[in-house]
N, C-alpha and C. Protein backbone atom coordinates (compact mmCIF):
# COMPACT_ATOMS: atom_id res chain seq x y z
N MET A 1 0.84 -1.19 0.00
CA MET A 1 0.00 0.00 0.00
C MET A 1 0.88 1.25 0.00
N ALA A 2 0.56 2.19 -0.87
CA ALA A 2 1.34 3.42 -0.99
C ALA A 2 1.14 4.26 0.27
N THR A 3 2.25 4.69 0.85
CA THR A 3 2.14 5.48 2.06
C THR A 3 2.73 6.87 1.95
N ARG A 4 3.73 7.05 1.11
CA ARG A 4 4.35 8.36 0.98
C ARG A 4 4.49 8.70 -0.50
N ILE A 5 3.43 9.25 -1.07
CA ILE A 5 3.40 9.59 -2.49
C ILE A 5 4.15 10.90 -2.70
N VAL A 6 5.12 10.87 -3.61
CA VAL A 6 5.97 12.03 -3.88
C VAL A 6 5.67 12.55 -5.28
N PRO A 7 5.31 13.83 -5.40
CA PRO A 7 5.13 14.41 -6.74
C PRO A 7 6.49 14.82 -7.30
N ASP A 8 6.64 14.69 -8.59
CA ASP A 8 7.88 15.09 -9.25
C ASP A 8 7.54 15.58 -10.65
N GLY A 9 8.53 16.03 -11.39
CA GLY A 9 8.25 16.53 -12.72
C GLY A 9 9.45 16.44 -13.63
N LEU A 10 9.18 16.64 -14.90
CA LEU A 10 10.24 16.70 -15.89
C LEU A 10 9.82 17.66 -16.99
N ASN A 11 10.82 18.23 -17.65
CA ASN A 11 10.58 19.08 -18.82
C ASN A 11 10.95 18.27 -20.05
N ALA A 12 10.01 18.16 -20.97
CA ALA A 12 10.21 17.38 -22.19
C ALA A 12 10.37 18.32 -23.38
N SER A 13 11.20 17.89 -24.33
CA SER A 13 11.44 18.67 -25.54
C SER A 13 11.54 17.70 -26.71
N LEU A 14 10.80 17.97 -27.77
CA LEU A 14 10.90 17.17 -28.99
C LEU A 14 11.91 17.87 -29.88
N ASP A 15 13.05 17.20 -30.12
CA ASP A 15 14.22 17.84 -30.70
C ASP A 15 14.44 17.60 -32.19
N SER A 16 13.59 16.78 -32.80
CA SER A 16 13.72 16.55 -34.24
C SER A 16 12.35 16.19 -34.80
N GLY A 17 12.27 16.06 -36.12
CA GLY A 17 11.02 15.64 -36.74
C GLY A 17 10.00 16.75 -36.89
N SER A 18 8.77 16.35 -37.21
CA SER A 18 7.71 17.31 -37.50
C SER A 18 7.28 18.13 -36.29
N LEU A 19 7.58 17.64 -35.08
CA LEU A 19 7.21 18.37 -33.87
C LEU A 19 8.41 19.05 -33.22
N LEU A 20 9.47 19.26 -34.02
CA LEU A 20 10.68 19.93 -33.55
C LEU A 20 10.34 21.21 -32.80
N GLY A 21 10.94 21.38 -31.63
CA GLY A 21 10.73 22.60 -30.84
C GLY A 21 9.55 22.54 -29.90
N THR A 22 8.77 21.47 -29.94
CA THR A 22 7.65 21.34 -29.01
C THR A 22 8.18 21.01 -27.62
N ARG A 23 7.76 21.80 -26.64
CA ARG A 23 8.18 21.59 -25.25
C ARG A 23 6.94 21.49 -24.38
N PHE A 24 7.03 20.65 -23.35
CA PHE A 24 5.90 20.50 -22.44
C PHE A 24 6.37 19.92 -21.11
N PRO A 25 5.70 20.30 -20.01
CA PRO A 25 6.03 19.73 -18.71
C PRO A 25 5.27 18.42 -18.49
N VAL A 26 5.85 17.55 -17.70
CA VAL A 26 5.23 16.29 -17.31
C VAL A 26 5.25 16.23 -15.79
N LEU A 27 4.11 15.94 -15.18
CA LEU A 27 4.03 15.74 -13.74
C LEU A 27 3.79 14.27 -13.48
N PHE A 28 4.55 13.70 -12.53
CA PHE A 28 4.36 12.30 -12.19
C PHE A 28 4.52 12.13 -10.69
N SER A 29 4.11 10.97 -10.19
CA SER A 29 4.27 10.69 -8.77
C SER A 29 4.54 9.21 -8.57
N TYR A 30 5.09 8.90 -7.39
CA TYR A 30 5.45 7.53 -7.04
C TYR A 30 5.46 7.39 -5.53
N ASP A 31 5.52 6.15 -5.04
CA ASP A 31 5.59 5.86 -3.61
C ASP A 31 7.05 5.82 -3.19
N ALA A 32 7.50 6.83 -2.45
CA ALA A 32 8.90 6.93 -2.05
C ALA A 32 9.31 5.82 -1.09
N ASP A 33 8.36 5.19 -0.42
CA ASP A 33 8.70 4.10 0.50
C ASP A 33 9.21 2.86 -0.24
N GLN A 34 9.04 2.81 -1.56
CA GLN A 34 9.51 1.68 -2.34
C GLN A 34 10.92 1.89 -2.90
N VAL A 35 11.52 3.04 -2.61
CA VAL A 35 12.86 3.36 -3.12
C VAL A 35 13.90 2.87 -2.12
N SER A 36 14.81 2.03 -2.58
CA SER A 36 15.91 1.52 -1.75
C SER A 36 17.10 2.47 -1.84
N PRO A 37 17.78 2.74 -0.73
CA PRO A 37 18.95 3.61 -0.79
C PRO A 37 20.16 2.93 -1.42
N ILE A 38 20.11 1.61 -1.58
CA ILE A 38 21.22 0.86 -2.16
C ILE A 38 20.71 0.03 -3.33
N GLY A 39 21.44 0.06 -4.44
CA GLY A 39 21.07 -0.73 -5.60
C GLY A 39 20.02 -0.05 -6.46
N ASP A 40 19.40 -0.85 -7.33
CA ASP A 40 18.38 -0.33 -8.25
C ASP A 40 16.99 -0.55 -7.69
N SER A 41 16.13 0.45 -7.88
CA SER A 41 14.72 0.35 -7.50
C SER A 41 13.87 0.68 -8.72
N PHE A 42 12.90 -0.17 -8.99
CA PHE A 42 11.96 0.04 -10.09
C PHE A 42 10.59 0.23 -9.46
N VAL A 43 10.14 1.47 -9.39
CA VAL A 43 8.94 1.84 -8.65
C VAL A 43 7.84 2.21 -9.64
N GLY A 44 6.67 1.62 -9.47
CA GLY A 44 5.54 1.93 -10.34
C GLY A 44 5.08 3.37 -10.21
N LEU A 45 4.69 3.93 -11.33
CA LEU A 45 4.14 5.30 -11.33
C LEU A 45 2.77 5.31 -10.69
N ASN A 46 2.49 6.30 -9.86
CA ASN A 46 1.14 6.53 -9.36
C ASN A 46 0.38 7.46 -10.30
N SER A 47 1.12 8.35 -10.95
CA SER A 47 0.52 9.24 -11.95
C SER A 47 1.59 9.65 -12.95
N PHE A 48 1.14 10.03 -14.14
CA PHE A 48 2.03 10.54 -15.19
C PHE A 48 1.13 11.34 -16.12
N ASN A 49 1.24 12.66 -16.08
CA ASN A 49 0.32 13.53 -16.80
C ASN A 49 1.05 14.61 -17.60
N PHE A 50 0.63 14.77 -18.85
CA PHE A 50 1.14 15.86 -19.67
C PHE A 50 0.12 16.15 -20.77
N THR A 51 0.28 17.31 -21.39
CA THR A 51 -0.56 17.70 -22.52
C THR A 51 0.36 17.98 -23.70
N LEU A 52 0.09 17.29 -24.81
CA LEU A 52 0.88 17.46 -26.03
C LEU A 52 -0.03 18.04 -27.11
N LEU A 53 0.27 19.25 -27.53
CA LEU A 53 -0.51 19.96 -28.56
C LEU A 53 -2.00 19.95 -28.24
N GLY A 54 -2.33 20.22 -26.99
CA GLY A 54 -3.72 20.33 -26.55
C GLY A 54 -4.40 19.03 -26.19
N VAL A 55 -3.72 17.89 -26.31
CA VAL A 55 -4.31 16.59 -26.00
C VAL A 55 -3.71 16.07 -24.69
N PRO A 56 -4.55 15.82 -23.67
CA PRO A 56 -4.04 15.33 -22.39
C PRO A 56 -3.71 13.83 -22.43
N PHE A 57 -2.57 13.47 -21.87
CA PHE A 57 -2.14 12.08 -21.70
C PHE A 57 -2.06 11.82 -20.20
N THR A 58 -2.46 10.62 -19.76
CA THR A 58 -2.41 10.26 -18.35
C THR A 58 -1.79 8.87 -18.20
N LYS A 59 -1.58 8.48 -16.97
CA LYS A 59 -1.06 7.15 -16.67
C LYS A 59 -1.93 6.06 -17.30
N ASN A 60 -3.22 6.30 -17.39
CA ASN A 60 -4.14 5.31 -17.97
C ASN A 60 -3.86 5.03 -19.44
N ASN A 61 -3.14 5.94 -20.11
CA ASN A 61 -2.80 5.76 -21.52
C ASN A 61 -1.48 5.02 -21.75
N ILE A 62 -0.77 4.68 -20.67
CA ILE A 62 0.52 3.99 -20.82
C ILE A 62 0.27 2.54 -21.23
N LEU A 63 0.93 2.11 -22.32
CA LEU A 63 0.82 0.73 -22.78
C LEU A 63 1.98 -0.12 -22.28
N GLN A 64 3.17 0.46 -22.20
CA GLN A 64 4.34 -0.25 -21.70
C GLN A 64 5.12 0.65 -20.75
N GLY A 65 5.85 0.03 -19.83
CA GLY A 65 6.65 0.80 -18.88
C GLY A 65 5.81 1.21 -17.70
N GLY A 66 5.95 2.45 -17.34
CA GLY A 66 5.21 2.96 -16.18
C GLY A 66 5.99 2.82 -14.89
N GLN A 67 7.31 3.04 -14.97
CA GLN A 67 8.16 2.91 -13.80
C GLN A 67 9.06 4.13 -13.64
N VAL A 68 9.41 4.37 -12.38
CA VAL A 68 10.44 5.35 -12.05
C VAL A 68 11.64 4.51 -11.61
N ILE A 69 12.81 4.81 -12.14
CA ILE A 69 14.00 4.01 -11.86
C ILE A 69 14.98 4.83 -11.02
N PHE A 70 15.40 4.23 -9.93
CA PHE A 70 16.36 4.86 -9.02
C PHE A 70 17.63 4.02 -8.98
N ARG A 71 18.77 4.68 -8.90
CA ARG A 71 20.06 4.02 -8.72
C ARG A 71 20.65 4.53 -7.40
N ASN A 72 20.78 3.63 -6.44
CA ASN A 72 21.28 3.98 -5.10
C ASN A 72 20.48 5.14 -4.49
N GLY A 73 19.16 5.08 -4.64
CA GLY A 73 18.27 6.07 -4.05
C GLY A 73 18.14 7.37 -4.81
N VAL A 74 18.81 7.49 -5.96
CA VAL A 74 18.78 8.73 -6.75
C VAL A 74 17.95 8.50 -8.02
N LEU A 75 17.03 9.41 -8.29
CA LEU A 75 16.20 9.34 -9.49
C LEU A 75 17.08 9.31 -10.74
N ASP A 76 16.90 8.27 -11.58
CA ASP A 76 17.75 8.09 -12.75
C ASP A 76 16.96 8.15 -14.06
N ASN A 77 15.75 7.59 -14.08
CA ASN A 77 15.01 7.51 -15.33
C ASN A 77 13.53 7.27 -15.01
N VAL A 78 12.71 7.50 -16.01
CA VAL A 78 11.29 7.15 -15.94
C VAL A 78 10.94 6.52 -17.28
N THR A 79 10.12 5.46 -17.25
CA THR A 79 9.72 4.80 -18.49
C THR A 79 8.21 4.84 -18.63
N ALA A 80 7.77 5.23 -19.81
CA ALA A 80 6.34 5.26 -20.11
C ALA A 80 6.21 5.32 -21.63
N SER A 81 5.43 4.39 -22.19
CA SER A 81 5.23 4.37 -23.63
C SER A 81 3.74 4.43 -23.93
N PHE A 82 3.38 5.40 -24.74
CA PHE A 82 2.00 5.64 -25.15
C PHE A 82 1.91 5.28 -26.63
N GLN A 83 1.07 4.28 -26.96
CA GLN A 83 0.98 3.84 -28.35
C GLN A 83 -0.29 3.04 -28.58
N GLY A 84 -0.63 2.88 -29.85
CA GLY A 84 -1.74 2.02 -30.25
C GLY A 84 -3.06 2.37 -29.60
N PRO A 85 -3.77 1.33 -29.14
CA PRO A 85 -5.13 1.55 -28.61
C PRO A 85 -5.16 2.35 -27.32
N SER A 86 -4.01 2.49 -26.65
CA SER A 86 -4.01 3.23 -25.39
C SER A 86 -3.93 4.76 -25.58
N LEU A 87 -3.68 5.21 -26.81
CA LEU A 87 -3.55 6.65 -27.05
C LEU A 87 -4.88 7.36 -26.81
N PRO A 88 -4.81 8.59 -26.30
CA PRO A 88 -6.04 9.35 -26.12
C PRO A 88 -6.63 9.77 -27.46
N PRO A 89 -7.92 10.05 -27.51
CA PRO A 89 -8.54 10.52 -28.75
C PRO A 89 -7.85 11.79 -29.27
N GLN A 90 -7.74 11.91 -30.58
CA GLN A 90 -7.13 13.07 -31.25
C GLN A 90 -5.64 13.20 -30.94
N SER A 91 -4.97 12.10 -30.61
CA SER A 91 -3.54 12.14 -30.30
C SER A 91 -2.77 12.72 -31.48
N PRO A 92 -1.82 13.63 -31.22
CA PRO A 92 -1.01 14.20 -32.28
C PRO A 92 0.17 13.32 -32.71
N VAL A 93 0.30 12.14 -32.09
CA VAL A 93 1.38 11.20 -32.41
C VAL A 93 0.82 9.77 -32.44
N GLU A 94 1.51 8.89 -33.17
CA GLU A 94 1.17 7.46 -33.16
C GLU A 94 1.82 6.76 -31.97
N ASN A 95 2.90 7.36 -31.46
CA ASN A 95 3.63 6.78 -30.35
C ASN A 95 4.49 7.87 -29.73
N ILE A 96 4.56 7.89 -28.41
CA ILE A 96 5.56 8.71 -27.72
C ILE A 96 6.03 7.89 -26.53
N THR A 97 7.35 7.74 -26.43
CA THR A 97 7.94 6.85 -25.43
C THR A 97 9.04 7.58 -24.68
N PHE A 98 8.96 7.53 -23.36
CA PHE A 98 9.92 8.18 -22.47
C PHE A 98 10.84 7.12 -21.85
N GLY A 99 12.14 7.35 -21.92
CA GLY A 99 13.10 6.59 -21.14
C GLY A 99 13.54 5.24 -21.64
N PHE A 100 12.95 4.71 -22.71
CA PHE A 100 13.35 3.38 -23.17
C PHE A 100 14.69 3.39 -23.90
N GLY A 101 15.10 4.51 -24.46
CA GLY A 101 16.39 4.61 -25.13
C GLY A 101 17.50 4.98 -24.17
N GLY A 102 17.17 5.12 -22.90
CA GLY A 102 18.12 5.51 -21.86
C GLY A 102 17.56 6.69 -21.09
N PRO A 103 18.21 7.05 -19.99
CA PRO A 103 17.74 8.19 -19.20
C PRO A 103 17.68 9.47 -20.02
N GLY A 104 16.54 10.14 -19.94
CA GLY A 104 16.38 11.42 -20.62
C GLY A 104 16.07 11.35 -22.10
N VAL A 105 15.75 10.15 -22.62
CA VAL A 105 15.51 9.99 -24.06
C VAL A 105 14.01 9.83 -24.34
N ILE A 106 13.54 10.55 -25.35
CA ILE A 106 12.17 10.41 -25.85
C ILE A 106 12.24 10.00 -27.31
N GLY A 107 11.43 9.02 -27.68
CA GLY A 107 11.25 8.68 -29.09
C GLY A 107 9.78 8.86 -29.42
N TYR A 108 9.48 9.31 -30.63
CA TYR A 108 8.08 9.44 -31.03
C TYR A 108 7.91 9.15 -32.51
N ILE A 109 6.70 8.79 -32.87
CA ILE A 109 6.32 8.59 -34.27
C ILE A 109 5.17 9.55 -34.55
N ASP A 110 5.35 10.43 -35.53
CA ASP A 110 4.30 11.40 -35.83
C ASP A 110 3.17 10.75 -36.63
N LEU A 111 2.17 11.52 -36.98
CA LEU A 111 1.00 10.98 -37.67
C LEU A 111 1.30 10.58 -39.11
N ASN A 112 2.48 10.94 -39.63
CA ASN A 112 2.91 10.51 -40.96
C ASN A 112 3.78 9.25 -40.89
N GLY A 113 3.93 8.69 -39.69
CA GLY A 113 4.72 7.48 -39.51
C GLY A 113 6.22 7.71 -39.45
N GLN A 114 6.64 8.97 -39.26
CA GLN A 114 8.06 9.30 -39.21
C GLN A 114 8.57 9.27 -37.77
N PHE A 115 9.68 8.55 -37.56
CA PHE A 115 10.30 8.48 -36.24
C PHE A 115 11.12 9.74 -35.99
N ALA A 116 11.09 10.21 -34.76
CA ALA A 116 11.90 11.36 -34.35
C ALA A 116 12.21 11.20 -32.87
N GLN A 117 13.03 12.10 -32.36
CA GLN A 117 13.42 11.96 -30.97
C GLN A 117 13.33 13.27 -30.21
N GLY A 118 13.48 13.13 -28.90
CA GLY A 118 13.46 14.27 -27.99
C GLY A 118 14.24 13.93 -26.75
N SER A 119 14.10 14.78 -25.76
CA SER A 119 14.83 14.58 -24.52
C SER A 119 14.01 15.12 -23.35
N PHE A 120 14.40 14.70 -22.15
CA PHE A 120 13.76 15.25 -20.95
C PHE A 120 14.78 15.38 -19.83
N THR A 121 14.50 16.35 -18.96
CA THR A 121 15.30 16.56 -17.76
C THR A 121 14.36 16.64 -16.57
N PHE A 122 14.80 16.10 -15.47
CA PHE A 122 14.00 16.15 -14.25
C PHE A 122 14.08 17.54 -13.63
N VAL A 123 12.96 17.99 -13.07
CA VAL A 123 12.89 19.28 -12.40
C VAL A 123 12.19 19.09 -11.07
N SER A 124 12.50 19.96 -10.16
CA SER A 124 11.83 19.93 -8.86
C SER A 124 10.44 20.54 -9.03
N THR A 125 9.48 19.94 -8.38
CA THR A 125 8.12 20.48 -8.47
C THR A 125 7.88 21.59 -7.45
N GLY A 126 8.89 21.85 -6.62
CA GLY A 126 8.75 22.92 -5.63
C GLY A 126 7.96 22.51 -4.42
N MET A 127 7.63 21.25 -4.30
CA MET A 127 6.87 20.77 -3.15
C MET A 127 7.86 20.37 -2.06
N PRO A 128 7.81 21.01 -0.88
CA PRO A 128 8.74 20.61 0.16
C PRO A 128 8.39 19.23 0.70
N GLU A 129 9.40 18.52 1.16
CA GLU A 129 9.13 17.25 1.81
C GLU A 129 8.37 17.54 3.09
N PRO A 130 7.54 16.60 3.56
CA PRO A 130 6.75 16.85 4.76
C PRO A 130 7.60 17.28 5.95
N ILE A 131 8.76 16.68 6.15
CA ILE A 131 9.59 17.04 7.29
C ILE A 131 10.04 18.50 7.20
N SER A 132 10.31 19.00 5.98
CA SER A 132 10.71 20.40 5.81
C SER A 132 9.56 21.34 6.16
N ALA A 133 8.37 20.99 5.75
CA ALA A 133 7.20 21.83 6.06
C ALA A 133 6.96 21.87 7.57
N TYR A 134 7.11 20.72 8.24
CA TYR A 134 6.92 20.69 9.69
C TYR A 134 8.00 21.53 10.38
N SER A 135 9.23 21.43 9.92
CA SER A 135 10.32 22.21 10.51
C SER A 135 10.07 23.71 10.34
N LEU A 136 9.61 24.11 9.16
CA LEU A 136 9.31 25.51 8.91
C LEU A 136 8.20 25.99 9.84
N ALA A 137 7.14 25.22 9.96
CA ALA A 137 6.02 25.61 10.83
C ALA A 137 6.48 25.71 12.28
N LEU A 138 7.25 24.74 12.74
CA LEU A 138 7.74 24.76 14.12
C LEU A 138 8.62 25.98 14.34
N GLY A 139 9.50 26.29 13.39
CA GLY A 139 10.37 27.45 13.51
C GLY A 139 9.59 28.75 13.59
N LEU A 140 8.55 28.89 12.79
CA LEU A 140 7.73 30.11 12.82
C LEU A 140 6.98 30.24 14.15
N ILE A 141 6.51 29.12 14.68
CA ILE A 141 5.81 29.15 15.98
C ILE A 141 6.77 29.58 17.08
N VAL A 142 7.98 29.03 17.08
CA VAL A 142 8.98 29.40 18.09
C VAL A 142 9.33 30.88 17.95
N LEU A 143 9.55 31.35 16.73
CA LEU A 143 9.87 32.76 16.50
C LEU A 143 8.75 33.66 17.00
N PHE A 144 7.54 33.32 16.70
CA PHE A 144 6.39 34.10 17.15
C PHE A 144 6.33 34.10 18.68
N GLY A 145 6.55 32.93 19.29
CA GLY A 145 6.53 32.83 20.76
C GLY A 145 7.59 33.69 21.40
N LEU A 146 8.80 33.70 20.82
CA LEU A 146 9.87 34.53 21.36
C LEU A 146 9.54 36.01 21.26
N CYS A 147 8.96 36.40 20.14
CA CYS A 147 8.57 37.81 19.97
C CYS A 147 7.52 38.21 20.99
N VAL A 148 6.54 37.36 21.21
CA VAL A 148 5.48 37.66 22.17
C VAL A 148 6.05 37.71 23.58
N ARG A 149 6.90 36.74 23.93
CA ARG A 149 7.47 36.69 25.27
C ARG A 149 8.31 37.94 25.56
N ARG A 150 9.09 38.38 24.58
CA ARG A 150 9.95 39.56 24.74
C ARG A 150 9.12 40.81 24.99
N LYS A 151 7.94 40.84 24.42
CA LYS A 151 7.09 42.03 24.53
C LYS A 151 6.04 41.89 25.64
N MET A 152 6.13 40.83 26.46
CA MET A 152 5.10 40.55 27.46
C MET A 152 4.93 41.67 28.48
N ASN A 153 5.97 42.40 28.79
CA ASN A 153 5.85 43.42 29.81
C ASN A 153 5.02 44.61 29.33
N ARG A 154 4.67 44.66 28.05
CA ARG A 154 3.78 45.71 27.54
C ARG A 154 2.47 45.04 27.14
N PRO A 155 1.33 45.69 27.36
CA PRO A 155 0.06 45.07 26.97
C PRO A 155 0.02 44.83 25.45
N LEU A 156 -0.58 43.72 25.07
CA LEU A 156 -0.64 43.34 23.66
C LEU A 156 -2.05 43.64 23.14
N GLY A 157 -2.29 44.90 22.74
CA GLY A 157 -3.58 45.29 22.20
C GLY A 157 -3.72 44.84 20.75
N LYS A 158 -4.91 45.07 20.19
CA LYS A 158 -5.17 44.66 18.81
C LYS A 158 -4.19 45.30 17.83
N ALA A 159 -3.92 46.59 18.01
CA ALA A 159 -3.03 47.29 17.09
C ALA A 159 -1.63 46.68 17.12
N ARG A 160 -1.11 46.40 18.33
CA ARG A 160 0.23 45.80 18.45
C ARG A 160 0.23 44.39 17.88
N LEU A 161 -0.85 43.63 18.08
CA LEU A 161 -0.93 42.27 17.57
C LEU A 161 -0.88 42.28 16.04
N PHE A 162 -1.64 43.21 15.41
CA PHE A 162 -1.63 43.31 13.96
C PHE A 162 -0.26 43.75 13.43
N ARG A 163 0.40 44.69 14.14
CA ARG A 163 1.74 45.12 13.74
C ARG A 163 2.72 43.96 13.85
N LEU A 164 2.61 43.19 14.93
CA LEU A 164 3.50 42.05 15.13
C LEU A 164 3.29 41.01 14.03
N ALA A 165 2.04 40.73 13.69
CA ALA A 165 1.74 39.77 12.62
C ALA A 165 2.25 40.31 11.28
N GLY A 166 2.06 41.60 11.04
CA GLY A 166 2.55 42.21 9.80
C GLY A 166 4.06 42.13 9.69
N ASN A 167 4.75 42.40 10.81
CA ASN A 167 6.20 42.29 10.81
C ASN A 167 6.64 40.86 10.53
N LEU A 168 5.93 39.90 11.09
CA LEU A 168 6.26 38.50 10.86
C LEU A 168 6.10 38.15 9.37
N PHE A 169 5.02 38.61 8.75
CA PHE A 169 4.80 38.34 7.31
C PHE A 169 5.87 39.04 6.46
N ARG A 170 6.22 40.28 6.82
CA ARG A 170 7.28 40.96 6.06
C ARG A 170 8.60 40.23 6.21
N PHE A 171 8.87 39.71 7.42
CA PHE A 171 10.10 38.95 7.66
C PHE A 171 10.13 37.70 6.77
N CYS A 172 8.98 37.07 6.59
CA CYS A 172 8.91 35.84 5.79
C CYS A 172 9.08 36.11 4.30
N GLU A 173 8.85 37.34 3.85
CA GLU A 173 8.99 37.65 2.43
C GLU A 173 10.44 37.65 1.98
N TYR A 174 11.38 37.80 2.90
CA TYR A 174 12.80 37.89 2.54
C TYR A 174 13.47 36.56 2.58
């Protein structure tokens, strides 16, 4: 059972063929509890979503692959092949395959049957790990408590409370 689902992403680029210059983001997720810190881990995708020329593709459209590959706990590759009957309606390609030619490799076949290639790079989705979010929240609570304690000898009216909260928000902007 999946217990710690981690969102991740990649930037895809079609580098040759009729779709040369097409770029699109891909969002995917996996269960981080299945990743081993030593050796190779092949973890099933929980999601894999992108839009190519206005047509949405999802994990449900994957015909082959559907794994995130880790080497010694480090993200190395993702495999997903969209082809044949699994393609979404109005697909702009006959096939698009991620990772089967090696890490960061995309192969595709356009609607004229011409093979071409592309590439992808992993990007951070900007989602903090849960422990980081908890640490940030705890730190802000402690900071707020110290500010209140330091000012305890003066009454804390509404105006001072709003100023204190405003100062805290301004502090967080930097």
